[in-house]
Amino acid sequence: MTCYDRRDLGLLLLRLGTGGVLAAHGTQKLFGWFGGHGIEGTGQFMESVGYTPGKASATAAGLAETGGGVLLALGLATPAAGAAAAGAMAGAAAVHMPNGFFAQEGGYEHAASLGLTAAGLAVTGPGRLSLDHALGHVLDRGWMVPAALGATAAATAVVVGVRNRRVRRRQEGEQEVLFEE
């Protein structure tokens, strides 16, 4: 009999893969690693897509992705880590939504996949091959799952809602005049 089962190994692989991708994307934003643009360039991009102030938005997204990704990979504070990463990916999906679903068309497929996987890990837990398990799940209590996901959902709804209103107003201001008076 082994001390770990297939479920634990599967959760470890999901955590390492998802957490690694999230952390890499976050460090692009924060430090300019892996061909990223760092806080300055990412902040300018965030402003251009309606997330203002841009630098603060870039920092928040970078921290949620890097921190959430590293913590997911380690299996530490899994409810909070998964919720933070899922919230960041919801914000990214909002930017890509007008392009449809598929990534090759600039759609939200990648962000949605990462976000749903992170949320799924927050709900299922990290498995026995994790720091949460080694520490007796002090940062992975049952009540933490709905609290982390609920708080993140509320904050994300506000941030994305404000961004979407800002983008709509900007687009309405750019419309051509249909009828001359």
Protein backbone atom coordinates (compact mmCIF):
# COMPACT_ATOMS: atom_id res chain seq x y z
CA MET A 1 0.00 0.00 0.00
CA THR A 2 1.34 3.45 -0.94
CA CYS A 3 0.92 6.53 1.19
CA TYR A 4 -0.15 8.62 -1.82
CA ASP A 5 -2.80 7.76 -4.35
CA ARG A 6 -3.48 8.77 -7.93
CA ARG A 7 -5.67 11.66 -6.78
CA ASP A 8 -2.78 13.20 -4.82
CA LEU A 9 -0.44 12.84 -7.79
CA GLY A 10 -3.05 14.32 -10.13
CA LEU A 11 -3.61 17.30 -7.84
CA LEU A 12 0.16 17.82 -7.58
CA LEU A 13 0.45 17.88 -11.38
CA LEU A 14 -2.48 20.29 -11.71
CA ARG A 15 -1.03 22.54 -9.01
CA LEU A 16 2.48 22.55 -10.49
CA GLY A 17 1.31 23.16 -14.05
CA THR A 18 -1.31 25.78 -13.31
CA GLY A 19 0.74 27.46 -10.60
CA GLY A 20 3.84 27.55 -12.79
CA VAL A 21 2.02 29.15 -15.72
CA LEU A 22 0.34 31.71 -13.45
CA ALA A 23 3.60 32.58 -11.69
CA ALA A 24 5.41 33.00 -15.02
CA HIS A 25 2.70 35.37 -16.31
CA GLY A 26 2.76 37.31 -13.05
CA THR A 27 6.52 37.79 -13.13
CA GLN A 28 6.21 39.13 -16.68
CA LYS A 29 3.99 41.85 -15.25
CA LEU A 30 5.98 42.54 -12.09
CA PHE A 31 9.59 42.16 -13.23
CA GLY A 32 9.59 41.99 -17.02
CA TRP A 33 10.82 38.39 -16.91
CA PHE A 34 10.16 35.91 -19.73
CA GLY A 35 9.70 38.66 -22.30
CA GLY A 36 7.25 40.66 -20.20
CA HIS A 37 7.01 44.43 -19.97
CA GLY A 38 7.32 44.92 -16.21
CA ILE A 39 5.18 47.26 -14.16
CA GLU A 40 5.63 50.27 -16.45
CA GLY A 41 4.74 48.56 -19.72
CA THR A 42 2.01 46.43 -18.18
CA GLY A 43 0.61 49.52 -16.45
CA GLN A 44 0.37 51.30 -19.80
CA PHE A 45 -1.39 48.29 -21.28
CA MET A 46 -3.78 48.09 -18.32
CA GLU A 47 -4.71 51.76 -18.82
CA SER A 48 -5.33 51.13 -22.53
CA VAL A 49 -7.81 48.34 -21.79
CA GLY A 50 -9.68 50.26 -19.10
CA TYR A 51 -8.01 49.17 -15.85
CA THR A 52 -7.01 52.38 -14.09
CA PRO A 53 -4.80 53.39 -12.51
CA GLY A 54 -2.63 51.25 -14.75
CA LYS A 55 0.39 50.77 -12.49
CA ALA A 56 -1.74 49.76 -9.52
CA SER A 57 -3.75 47.41 -11.72
CA ALA A 58 -0.57 45.85 -13.11
CA THR A 59 0.77 45.39 -9.60
CA ALA A 60 -2.46 43.80 -8.35
CA ALA A 61 -2.69 41.45 -11.33
CA GLY A 62 1.00 40.57 -11.10
CA LEU A 63 0.80 39.83 -7.38
CA ALA A 64 -2.37 37.76 -7.74
CA GLU A 65 -0.85 35.72 -10.56
CA THR A 66 2.64 35.34 -9.07
CA GLY A 67 1.55 34.87 -5.47
CA GLY A 68 -1.45 32.72 -6.33
CA GLY A 69 0.62 30.65 -8.74
CA VAL A 70 3.50 30.02 -6.35
CA LEU A 71 1.15 29.19 -3.48
CA LEU A 72 -0.89 26.84 -5.69
CA ALA A 73 2.26 25.06 -6.85
CA LEU A 74 3.36 24.62 -3.23
CA GLY A 75 -0.13 23.67 -2.08
CA LEU A 76 -0.08 26.38 0.57
CA ALA A 77 -3.11 28.48 1.55
CA THR A 78 -4.86 26.78 -1.34
CA PRO A 79 -8.30 28.44 -0.95
CA ALA A 80 -6.83 31.95 -0.98
CA ALA A 81 -4.27 31.11 -3.68
CA GLY A 82 -6.87 29.59 -5.99
CA ALA A 83 -9.29 32.44 -5.41
CA ALA A 84 -6.66 35.13 -6.08
CA ALA A 85 -5.56 33.44 -9.30
CA ALA A 86 -9.17 32.90 -10.43
CA GLY A 87 -9.96 36.57 -9.81
CA ALA A 88 -6.96 37.71 -11.85
CA MET A 89 -8.00 35.40 -14.68
CA ALA A 90 -11.56 36.74 -14.61
CA GLY A 91 -10.11 40.20 -15.11
CA ALA A 92 -8.00 38.94 -18.01
CA ALA A 93 -10.98 37.13 -19.56
CA ALA A 94 -12.96 40.39 -19.52
CA VAL A 95 -10.30 42.01 -21.71
CA HIS A 96 -10.33 39.13 -24.21
CA MET A 97 -14.11 38.57 -24.23
CA PRO A 98 -14.81 40.74 -27.32
CA ASN A 99 -12.50 38.47 -29.34
CA GLY A 100 -14.60 35.37 -28.71
CA PHE A 101 -13.58 32.16 -26.99
CA PHE A 102 -10.59 30.75 -28.86
CA ALA A 103 -7.08 31.91 -27.99
CA GLN A 104 -5.86 31.95 -31.60
CA GLU A 105 -8.34 34.76 -32.22
CA GLY A 106 -7.25 36.61 -29.06
CA GLY A 107 -10.15 35.15 -27.06
CA TYR A 108 -10.55 34.31 -23.40
CA GLU A 109 -9.95 30.53 -23.64
CA HIS A 110 -6.56 30.54 -21.88
CA ALA A 111 -7.59 32.88 -19.06
CA ALA A 112 -10.82 30.93 -18.50
CA SER A 113 -8.97 27.61 -18.36
CA LEU A 114 -6.43 28.87 -15.86
CA GLY A 115 -9.09 30.57 -13.75
CA LEU A 116 -11.38 27.56 -13.63
CA THR A 117 -8.50 25.25 -12.77
CA ALA A 118 -7.36 27.58 -9.97
CA ALA A 119 -10.91 27.81 -8.61
CA GLY A 120 -11.27 24.03 -8.86
CA LEU A 121 -8.08 23.56 -6.86
CA ALA A 122 -9.34 26.01 -4.24
CA VAL A 123 -12.48 23.90 -3.88
CA THR A 124 -10.95 20.39 -3.99
CA GLY A 125 -7.89 21.21 -1.92
CA PRO A 126 -4.23 20.53 -2.63
CA GLY A 127 -4.03 16.82 -1.83
CA ARG A 128 -1.56 15.14 0.50
CA LEU A 129 1.53 16.13 -1.52
CA SER A 130 1.32 19.73 -0.33
CA LEU A 131 2.50 22.15 2.31
CA ASP A 132 -1.08 22.58 3.47
CA HIS A 133 -1.21 18.87 4.31
CA ALA A 134 2.23 18.94 5.94
CA LEU A 135 1.15 21.88 8.13
CA GLY A 136 -2.10 20.25 9.22
CA HIS A 137 -4.27 22.38 6.92
CA VAL A 138 -4.06 25.45 9.16
CA LEU A 139 -4.35 27.64 6.03
CA ASP A 140 -6.80 25.32 4.27
CA ARG A 141 -9.92 25.08 6.43
CA GLY A 142 -13.31 24.30 4.97
CA TRP A 143 -14.76 27.70 5.83
CA MET A 144 -11.89 29.40 3.97
CA VAL A 145 -13.06 28.12 0.58
CA PRO A 146 -16.39 30.01 0.39
CA ALA A 147 -14.88 33.00 2.20
CA ALA A 148 -11.95 33.32 -0.24
CA LEU A 149 -14.01 32.64 -3.36
CA GLY A 150 -16.85 34.90 -2.20
CA ALA A 151 -14.60 37.83 -1.33
CA THR A 152 -12.68 37.46 -4.58
CA ALA A 153 -15.87 37.18 -6.64
CA ALA A 154 -17.26 40.35 -5.06
CA ALA A 155 -14.04 42.34 -5.56
CA THR A 156 -13.62 41.04 -9.10
CA ALA A 157 -17.21 41.91 -10.00
CA VAL A 158 -16.66 45.49 -8.85
CA VAL A 159 -13.29 45.92 -10.60
CA VAL A 160 -14.42 44.32 -13.87
CA GLY A 161 -17.75 46.16 -13.75
CA VAL A 162 -16.04 49.55 -13.36
CA ARG A 163 -13.61 48.65 -16.14
CA ASN A 164 -16.43 47.56 -18.47
CA ARG A 165 -18.36 50.81 -17.85
CA ARG A 166 -15.20 52.81 -18.54
CA VAL A 167 -14.60 50.92 -21.81
CA ARG A 168 -18.26 51.37 -22.90
CA ARG A 169 -18.10 55.11 -22.22
CA ARG A 170 -14.86 55.38 -24.17
CA GLN A 171 -16.37 53.47 -27.12
CA GLU A 172 -19.52 55.59 -27.08
CA GLY A 173 -17.36 58.71 -27.30
CA GLU A 174 -15.55 57.29 -30.32
CA GLN A 175 -18.67 56.52 -32.36
CA GLU A 176 -19.08 58.31 -35.64
CA VAL A 177 -21.95 60.73 -36.14
CA LEU A 178 -24.73 58.89 -37.97
CA PHE A 179 -26.82 61.89 -38.99
CA GLU A 180 -25.77 65.45 -39.64
CA GLU A 181 -28.14 68.13 -38.31
